[in-house]
Amino acid sequence: MISVQSLLREHLLHKPVALLQQTSHQSIPGLPKSLSVLASANEQALQEAVTRRRQLVEMLTAEKNRQSSLRGKMRQNVDEHVKWLEKRIRELDDEIGQLSQAHEQWRSRMDRLTSMQGIGKVIATTLIATLPELGKISDKRISALVGVAPLR
């Protein structure tokens, strides 16, 4: 069974924004040819903020893993970096929260997604930012789009 978290990590989070925009002009397996997803300025800003948050979380994890093996001045340096990363992640969370409330449609999607058990604000905004087709096409086509369902 595939969890939401592994789905996001393996199929959505590592898909760069440029690739999403590039493929929106091409035929995507499982999507009708008439469907085109063009990112608006707000959508791009949300995608970039979500991507940057993921990058900072990865850096934070790496730095926390280094902490236990360091002593003295280098440990202090890493501790300071950890504090900075945590602060920046909180700032990005606020920015992402504001961006995700910018449109009624996004607010509605956020409400629906977060009402499901196990889906919090981070996963919901990640889905909204990286999978704008969600709710617009069938579950089979979404599965094919993210690569978790075989195509016939």
Protein backbone atom coordinates (compact mmCIF):
# COMPACT_ATOMS: atom_id res chain seq x y z
CA MET A 1 0.00 0.00 0.00
CA ILE A 2 1.34 3.43 -0.94
CA SER A 3 1.09 6.14 1.69
CA VAL A 4 0.33 9.76 0.84
CA GLN A 5 3.74 10.76 2.13
CA SER A 6 5.62 8.30 -0.09
CA LEU A 7 3.48 9.31 -3.06
CA LEU A 8 4.40 12.94 -2.52
CA ARG A 9 8.07 12.25 -1.95
CA GLU A 10 8.58 9.92 -4.90
CA HIS A 11 6.27 11.38 -7.53
CA LEU A 12 5.33 14.97 -6.78
CA LEU A 13 7.93 16.75 -4.71
CA HIS A 14 10.85 16.03 -6.98
CA LYS A 15 9.09 17.23 -10.11
CA PRO A 16 10.54 20.69 -10.79
CA VAL A 17 8.23 23.60 -11.48
CA ALA A 18 9.78 24.08 -14.92
CA LEU A 19 8.95 20.49 -15.80
CA LEU A 20 5.35 20.98 -14.71
CA GLN A 21 5.09 24.03 -16.92
CA GLN A 22 6.86 22.32 -19.80
CA THR A 23 4.66 19.24 -19.72
CA SER A 24 1.51 21.32 -19.46
CA HIS A 25 1.93 22.18 -23.15
CA GLN A 26 2.49 18.59 -24.18
CA SER A 27 0.37 15.48 -24.12
CA ILE A 28 0.54 13.93 -20.67
CA PRO A 29 -0.29 10.21 -20.50
CA GLY A 30 -3.71 9.70 -18.94
CA LEU A 31 -4.87 13.26 -19.52
CA PRO A 32 -7.22 14.41 -22.25
CA LYS A 33 -5.32 16.22 -24.98
CA SER A 34 -7.60 19.24 -24.57
CA LEU A 35 -6.55 19.73 -20.92
CA SER A 36 -3.83 22.31 -20.50
CA VAL A 37 -2.51 23.45 -17.16
CA LEU A 38 -0.84 26.85 -17.24
CA ALA A 39 0.54 28.20 -14.01
CA SER A 40 -0.52 31.72 -13.08
CA ALA A 41 1.82 34.04 -11.19
CA ASN A 42 0.15 33.04 -7.89
CA GLU A 43 0.41 29.35 -8.75
CA GLN A 44 4.09 29.77 -9.62
CA ALA A 45 4.71 31.62 -6.36
CA LEU A 46 3.01 28.84 -4.38
CA GLN A 47 4.95 26.15 -6.28
CA GLU A 48 8.23 27.96 -5.65
CA ALA A 49 7.49 28.47 -1.95
CA VAL A 50 6.50 24.81 -1.47
CA THR A 51 9.61 23.66 -3.34
CA ARG A 52 11.85 25.97 -1.31
CA ARG A 53 10.27 24.76 1.95
CA ARG A 54 11.01 21.16 0.97
CA GLN A 55 14.62 22.08 0.20
CA LEU A 56 15.04 23.80 3.56
CA VAL A 57 13.52 20.85 5.42
CA GLU A 58 16.00 18.55 3.68
CA MET A 59 18.86 20.87 4.71
CA LEU A 60 17.54 20.99 8.27
CA THR A 61 17.48 17.20 8.46
CA ALA A 62 21.04 16.99 7.18
CA GLU A 63 22.27 19.59 9.67
CA LYS A 64 20.52 17.89 12.59
CA ASN A 65 22.16 14.63 11.57
CA ARG A 66 25.57 16.35 11.64
CA GLN A 67 25.05 17.85 15.11
CA SER A 68 25.75 14.65 17.01
CA SER A 69 29.18 14.18 15.44
CA LEU A 70 30.45 17.73 15.98
CA ARG A 71 31.99 19.47 18.96
CA GLY A 72 32.93 23.00 19.91
CA LYS A 73 32.96 25.75 17.33
CA MET A 74 31.68 23.60 14.46
CA ARG A 75 28.78 22.35 16.60
CA GLN A 76 27.92 25.97 17.43
CA ASN A 77 28.05 26.83 13.72
CA VAL A 78 25.64 24.01 12.86
CA ASP A 79 23.37 24.95 15.80
CA GLU A 80 23.13 28.50 14.46
CA HIS A 81 22.35 27.22 10.98
CA VAL A 82 19.64 24.92 12.39
CA LYS A 83 18.03 27.89 14.15
CA TRP A 84 18.16 29.95 10.94
CA LEU A 85 16.65 27.10 8.90
CA GLU A 86 13.85 26.60 11.44
CA LYS A 87 13.09 30.34 11.38
CA ARG A 88 13.05 30.44 7.58
CA ILE A 89 10.79 27.37 7.41
CA ARG A 90 8.33 29.08 9.79
CA GLU A 91 8.41 32.20 7.59
CA LEU A 92 7.78 30.10 4.49
CA ASP A 93 4.91 28.33 6.28
CA ASP A 94 3.32 31.73 6.86
CA GLU A 95 3.92 32.76 3.24
CA ILE A 96 2.52 29.46 1.93
CA GLY A 97 -0.50 29.86 4.22
CA GLN A 98 -1.19 33.32 2.81
CA LEU A 99 -0.70 32.18 -0.78
CA SER A 100 -2.96 29.15 -0.32
CA GLN A 101 -5.73 31.43 0.95
CA ALA A 102 -5.41 33.79 -2.05
CA HIS A 103 -8.12 32.09 -4.09
CA GLU A 104 -11.52 30.78 -3.09
CA GLN A 105 -10.88 27.60 -5.09
CA TRP A 106 -7.62 26.95 -3.18
CA ARG A 107 -9.34 27.63 0.16
CA SER A 108 -12.05 25.15 -0.78
CA ARG A 109 -9.46 22.53 -1.77
CA MET A 110 -7.51 23.16 1.44
CA ASP A 111 -10.65 22.64 3.50
CA ARG A 112 -11.51 19.41 1.67
CA LEU A 113 -7.99 18.02 1.83
CA THR A 114 -7.35 18.88 5.47
CA SER A 115 -10.68 17.34 6.48
CA MET A 116 -9.21 13.95 5.54
CA GLN A 117 -7.40 12.06 8.28
CA GLY A 118 -3.63 12.29 7.88
CA ILE A 119 -3.66 15.31 5.57
CA GLY A 120 -2.38 18.48 7.17
CA LYS A 121 -1.63 21.92 5.81
CA VAL A 122 1.80 20.99 4.45
CA ILE A 123 0.59 18.02 2.41
CA ALA A 124 -2.54 19.89 1.29
CA THR A 125 -0.60 22.91 0.02
CA THR A 126 1.94 20.61 -1.62
CA LEU A 127 -0.84 18.82 -3.47
CA ILE A 128 -2.44 22.11 -4.52
CA ALA A 129 0.88 23.53 -5.70
CA THR A 130 2.27 20.49 -7.48
CA LEU A 131 -0.91 18.86 -8.76
CA PRO A 132 -3.28 21.57 -10.00
CA GLU A 133 -5.23 18.92 -11.92
CA LEU A 134 -6.46 17.43 -8.63
CA GLY A 135 -10.24 17.60 -8.57
CA LYS A 136 -10.42 18.40 -12.26
CA ILE A 137 -9.77 14.94 -13.69
CA SER A 138 -10.65 11.41 -12.61
CA ASP A 139 -8.79 9.51 -9.91
CA LYS A 140 -7.50 7.05 -12.53
CA ARG A 141 -6.03 9.87 -14.60
CA ILE A 142 -4.47 11.49 -11.51
CA SER A 143 -2.91 8.12 -10.61
CA ALA A 144 -1.50 7.85 -14.12
CA LEU A 145 -0.26 11.44 -14.03
CA VAL A 146 1.74 10.96 -10.84
CA GLY A 147 2.99 7.57 -11.96
CA VAL A 148 1.35 5.21 -9.48
CA ALA A 149 -1.04 3.47 -11.89
CA PRO A 150 -0.11 1.49 -14.97
CA LEU A 151 -1.38 2.80 -18.28
CA ARG A 152 -3.34 0.47 -20.53
